[in-house]
């Protein structure tokens, strides 16, 4: 039987927040990479 105390509940919430923060930073990095790729494409490909 697992003992549930306010501390374990808080700890679980902190862990979830860390996961959310990690995924958000990863998503931001992925979008920045995508934008940089698009910038390179448009810079190299001049439209007539």
PDB file of N, CA and C in Angstrom:
ATOM      1  N   UNK A   1       0.845  -1.194   0.000  1.00  0.00           N
ATOM      2  CA  UNK A   1       0.000   0.000   0.000  1.00  0.00           C
ATOM      3  C   UNK A   1       0.886   1.252   0.000  1.00  0.00           C
ATOM      4  N   UNK A   2       0.586   2.162  -0.884  1.00  0.00           N
ATOM      5  CA  UNK A   2       1.382   3.388  -0.993  1.00  0.00           C
ATOM      6  C   UNK A   2       0.788   4.451  -0.077  1.00  0.00           C
ATOM      7  N   UNK A   3       1.649   5.063   0.695  1.00  0.00           N
ATOM      8  CA  UNK A   3       1.202   6.100   1.610  1.00  0.00           C
ATOM      9  C   UNK A   3       1.061   7.414   0.845  1.00  0.00           C
ATOM     10  N   UNK A   4      -0.116   8.000   0.900  1.00  0.00           N
ATOM     11  CA  UNK A   4      -0.348   9.268   0.195  1.00  0.00           C
ATOM     12  C   UNK A   4      -0.368  10.385   1.226  1.00  0.00           C
ATOM     13  N   UNK A   5       0.596  11.258   1.128  1.00  0.00           N
ATOM     14  CA  UNK A   5       0.672  12.412   2.012  1.00  0.00           C
ATOM     15  C   UNK A   5       0.625  13.665   1.143  1.00  0.00           C
ATOM     16  N   UNK A   6       0.347  14.800   1.734  1.00  0.00           N
ATOM     17  CA  UNK A   6       0.379  16.042   0.925  1.00  0.00           C
ATOM     18  C   UNK A   6       1.709  16.230   0.207  1.00  0.00           C
ATOM     19  N   UNK A   7       2.790  15.750   0.827  1.00  0.00           N
ATOM     20  CA  UNK A   7       4.094  15.895   0.187  1.00  0.00           C
ATOM     21  C   UNK A   7       4.180  15.072  -1.092  1.00  0.00           C
ATOM     22  N   UNK A   8       3.668  13.826  -1.081  1.00  0.00           N
ATOM     23  CA  UNK A   8       3.729  13.009  -2.301  1.00  0.00           C
ATOM     24  C   UNK A   8       2.863  13.620  -3.389  1.00  0.00           C
ATOM     25  N   UNK A   9       1.720  14.190  -3.004  1.00  0.00           N
ATOM     26  CA  UNK A   9       0.853  14.830  -4.014  1.00  0.00           C
ATOM     27  C   UNK A   9       1.577  16.032  -4.615  1.00  0.00           C
ATOM     28  N   UNK A  10       2.197  16.853  -3.761  1.00  0.00           N
ATOM     29  CA  UNK A  10       2.949  18.003  -4.258  1.00  0.00           C
ATOM     30  C   UNK A  10       4.092  17.556  -5.163  1.00  0.00           C
ATOM     31  N   UNK A  11       4.790  16.506  -4.752  1.00  0.00           N
ATOM     32  CA  UNK A  11       5.903  16.013  -5.536  1.00  0.00           C
ATOM     33  C   UNK A  11       5.433  15.575  -6.920  1.00  0.00           C
ATOM     34  N   UNK A  12       4.289  14.906  -6.965  1.00  0.00           N
ATOM     35  CA  UNK A  12       3.742  14.468  -8.254  1.00  0.00           C
ATOM     36  C   UNK A  12       3.410  15.679  -9.122  1.00  0.00           C
ATOM     37  N   UNK A  13       2.825  16.700  -8.523  1.00  0.00           N
ATOM     38  CA  UNK A  13       2.488  17.906  -9.284  1.00  0.00           C
ATOM     39  C   UNK A  13       3.749  18.576  -9.830  1.00  0.00           C
ATOM     40  N   UNK A  14       4.794  18.642  -9.018  1.00  0.00           N
ATOM     41  CA  UNK A  14       6.041  19.241  -9.493  1.00  0.00           C
ATOM     42  C   UNK A  14       6.612  18.439 -10.651  1.00  0.00           C
ATOM     43  N   UNK A  15       6.534  17.129 -10.554  1.00  0.00           N
ATOM     44  CA  UNK A  15       7.042  16.287 -11.629  1.00  0.00           C
ATOM     45  C   UNK A  15       6.264  16.533 -12.919  1.00  0.00           C
ATOM     46  N   UNK A  16       4.942  16.640 -12.804  1.00  0.00           N
ATOM     47  CA  UNK A  16       4.125  16.933 -13.990  1.00  0.00           C
ATOM     48  C   UNK A  16       4.494  18.289 -14.573  1.00  0.00           C
ATOM     49  N   UNK A  17       4.718  19.278 -13.710  1.00  0.00           N
ATOM     50  CA  UNK A  17       5.091  20.602 -14.203  1.00  0.00           C
ATOM     51  C   UNK A  17       6.430  20.542 -14.941  1.00  0.00           C
ATOM     52  N   UNK A  18       7.374  19.750 -14.406  1.00  0.00           N
ATOM     53  CA  UNK A  18       8.658  19.608 -15.087  1.00  0.00           C
ATOM     54  C   UNK A  18       8.473  18.991 -16.468  1.00  0.00           C
ATOM     55  N   UNK A  19       7.619  17.960 -16.555  1.00  0.00           N
ATOM     56  CA  UNK A  19       7.374  17.330 -17.854  1.00  0.00           C
ATOM     57  C   UNK A  19       6.749  18.320 -18.828  1.00  0.00           C
ATOM     58  N   UNK A  20       5.789  19.092 -18.348  1.00  0.00           N
ATOM     59  CA  UNK A  20       5.123  20.074 -19.218  1.00  0.00           C
ATOM     60  C   UNK A  20       6.133  21.124 -19.677  1.00  0.00           C
ATOM     61  N   UNK A  21       6.955  21.607 -18.749  1.00  0.00           N
ATOM     62  CA  UNK A  21       7.958  22.623 -19.096  1.00  0.00           C
ATOM     63  C   UNK A  21       8.946  22.070 -20.124  1.00  0.00           C
ATOM     64  N   UNK A  22       9.368  20.822 -19.930  1.00  0.00           N
ATOM     65  CA  UNK A  22      10.305  20.197 -20.861  1.00  0.00           C
ATOM     66  C   UNK A  22       9.696  20.076 -22.251  1.00  0.00           C
ATOM     67  N   UNK A  23       8.438  19.623 -22.312  1.00  0.00           N
ATOM     68  CA  UNK A  23       7.802  19.460 -23.622  1.00  0.00           C
ATOM     69  C   UNK A  23       7.589  20.815 -24.292  1.00  0.00           C
ATOM     70  N   UNK A  24       7.274  21.838 -23.500  1.00  0.00           N
ATOM     71  CA  UNK A  24       7.081  23.167 -24.094  1.00  0.00           C
ATOM     72  C   UNK A  24       8.386  23.706 -24.668  1.00  0.00           C
ATOM     73  N   UNK A  25       9.498  23.528 -23.965  1.00  0.00           N
ATOM     74  CA  UNK A  25      10.772  24.012 -24.501  1.00  0.00           C
ATOM     75  C   UNK A  25      11.137  23.233 -25.750  1.00  0.00           C
ATOM     76  N   UNK A  26      10.863  21.932 -25.757  1.00  0.00           N
ATOM     77  CA  UNK A  26      11.158  21.138 -26.946  1.00  0.00           C
ATOM     78  C   UNK A  26      10.324  21.605 -28.124  1.00  0.00           C
ATOM     79  N   UNK A  27       9.041  21.876 -27.887  1.00  0.00           N
ATOM     80  CA  UNK A  27       8.179  22.316 -28.969  1.00  0.00           C
ATOM     81  C   UNK A  27       8.672  23.650 -29.507  1.00  0.00           C
ATOM     82  N   UNK A  28       9.076  24.558 -28.609  1.00  0.00           N
ATOM     83  CA  UNK A  28       9.558  25.858 -29.059  1.00  0.00           C
ATOM     84  C   UNK A  28      10.819  25.704 -29.899  1.00  0.00           C
ATOM     85  N   UNK A  29      11.718  24.833 -29.472  1.00  0.00           N
ATOM     86  CA  UNK A  29      12.929  24.608 -30.244  1.00  0.00           C
ATOM     87  C   UNK A  29      12.594  24.050 -31.624  1.00  0.00           C
ATOM     88  N   UNK A  30      11.623  23.135 -31.684  1.00  0.00           N
ATOM     89  CA  UNK A  30      11.244  22.549 -32.973  1.00  0.00           C
ATOM     90  C   UNK A  30      10.666  23.619 -33.886  1.00  0.00           C
ATOM     91  N   UNK A  31       9.799  24.504 -33.369  1.00  0.00           N
ATOM     92  CA  UNK A  31       9.214  25.544 -34.217  1.00  0.00           C
ATOM     93  C   UNK A  31      10.285  26.537 -34.661  1.00  0.00           C
ATOM     94  N   UNK A  32      11.224  26.862 -33.763  1.00  0.00           N
ATOM     95  CA  UNK A  32      12.300  27.776 -34.164  1.00  0.00           C
ATOM     96  C   UNK A  32      13.131  27.163 -35.277  1.00  0.00           C
ATOM     97  N   UNK A  33      13.398  25.864 -35.178  1.00  0.00           N
ATOM     98  CA  UNK A  33      14.160  25.184 -36.221  1.00  0.00           C
ATOM     99  C   UNK A  33      13.399  25.247 -37.544  1.00  0.00           C
ATOM    100  N   UNK A  34      12.092  25.028 -37.476  1.00  0.00           N
ATOM    101  CA  UNK A  34      11.262  25.068 -38.679  1.00  0.00           C
ATOM    102  C   UNK A  34      11.312  26.458 -39.312  1.00  0.00           C
ATOM    103  N   UNK A  35      11.167  27.498 -38.480  1.00  0.00           N
ATOM    104  CA  UNK A  35      11.223  28.860 -39.007  1.00  0.00           C
ATOM    105  C   UNK A  35      12.574  29.154 -39.642  1.00  0.00           C
ATOM    106  N   UNK A  36      13.637  28.684 -39.003  1.00  0.00           N
ATOM    107  CA  UNK A  36      14.968  28.913 -39.575  1.00  0.00           C
ATOM    108  C   UNK A  36      15.109  28.217 -40.921  1.00  0.00           C
ATOM    109  N   UNK A  37      14.565  26.993 -41.029  1.00  0.00           N
ATOM    110  CA  UNK A  37      14.619  26.291 -42.311  1.00  0.00           C
ATOM    111  C   UNK A  37      13.873  27.072 -43.383  1.00  0.00           C
ATOM    112  N   UNK A  38      12.673  27.576 -43.027  1.00  0.00           N
ATOM    113  CA  UNK A  38      11.912  28.355 -44.007  1.00  0.00           C
ATOM    114  C   UNK A  38      12.666  29.609 -44.416  1.00  0.00           C
ATOM    115  N   UNK A  39      13.318  30.276 -43.457  1.00  0.00           N
ATOM    116  CA  UNK A  39      14.091  31.475 -43.786  1.00  0.00           C
ATOM    117  C   UNK A  39      15.199  31.144 -44.774  1.00  0.00           C
ATOM    118  N   UNK A  40      15.886  30.027 -44.540  1.00  0.00           N
ATOM    119  CA  UNK A  40      16.957  29.634 -45.456  1.00  0.00           C
ATOM    120  C   UNK A  40      16.407  29.373 -46.848  1.00  0.00           C
ATOM    121  N   UNK A  41      15.262  28.669 -46.920  1.00  0.00           N
ATOM    122  CA  UNK A  41      14.673  28.347 -48.218  1.00  0.00           C
ATOM    123  C   UNK A  41      14.323  29.641 -48.960  1.00  0.00           C
ATOM    124  N   UNK A  42      13.654  30.565 -48.257  1.00  0.00           N
ATOM    125  CA  UNK A  42      13.234  31.794 -48.920  1.00  0.00           C
ATOM    126  C   UNK A  42      14.432  32.672 -49.266  1.00  0.00           C
ATOM    127  N   UNK A  43      15.467  32.643 -48.439  1.00  0.00           N
ATOM    128  CA  UNK A  43      16.654  33.450 -48.726  1.00  0.00           C
ATOM    129  C   UNK A  43      17.359  32.917 -49.980  1.00  0.00           C
ATOM    130  N   UNK A  44      17.437  31.609 -50.099  1.00  0.00           N
ATOM    131  CA  UNK A  44      18.140  31.007 -51.235  1.00  0.00           C
ATOM    132  C   UNK A  44      17.290  31.009 -52.494  1.00  0.00           C
ATOM    133  N   UNK A  45      15.976  31.004 -52.351  1.00  0.00           N
ATOM    134  CA  UNK A  45      15.086  30.915 -53.509  1.00  0.00           C
ATOM    135  C   UNK A  45      14.464  32.294 -53.739  1.00  0.00           C
ATOM    136  N   UNK A  46      15.012  33.021 -54.690  1.00  0.00           N
ATOM    137  CA  UNK A  46      14.481  34.359 -54.982  1.00  0.00           C
ATOM    138  C   UNK A  46      13.299  34.226 -55.963  1.00  0.00           C
ATOM    139  N   UNK A  47      12.215  34.890 -55.625  1.00  0.00           N
ATOM    140  CA  UNK A  47      11.037  34.833 -56.486  1.00  0.00           C
ATOM    141  C   UNK A  47      11.144  35.869 -57.584  1.00  0.00           C
ATOM    142  N   UNK A  48      10.676  35.518 -58.781  1.00  0.00           N
ATOM    143  CA  UNK A  48      10.790  36.415 -59.930  1.00  0.00           C
ATOM    144  C   UNK A  48       9.722  37.501 -59.852  1.00  0.00           C
TER     145      UNK A  48
END
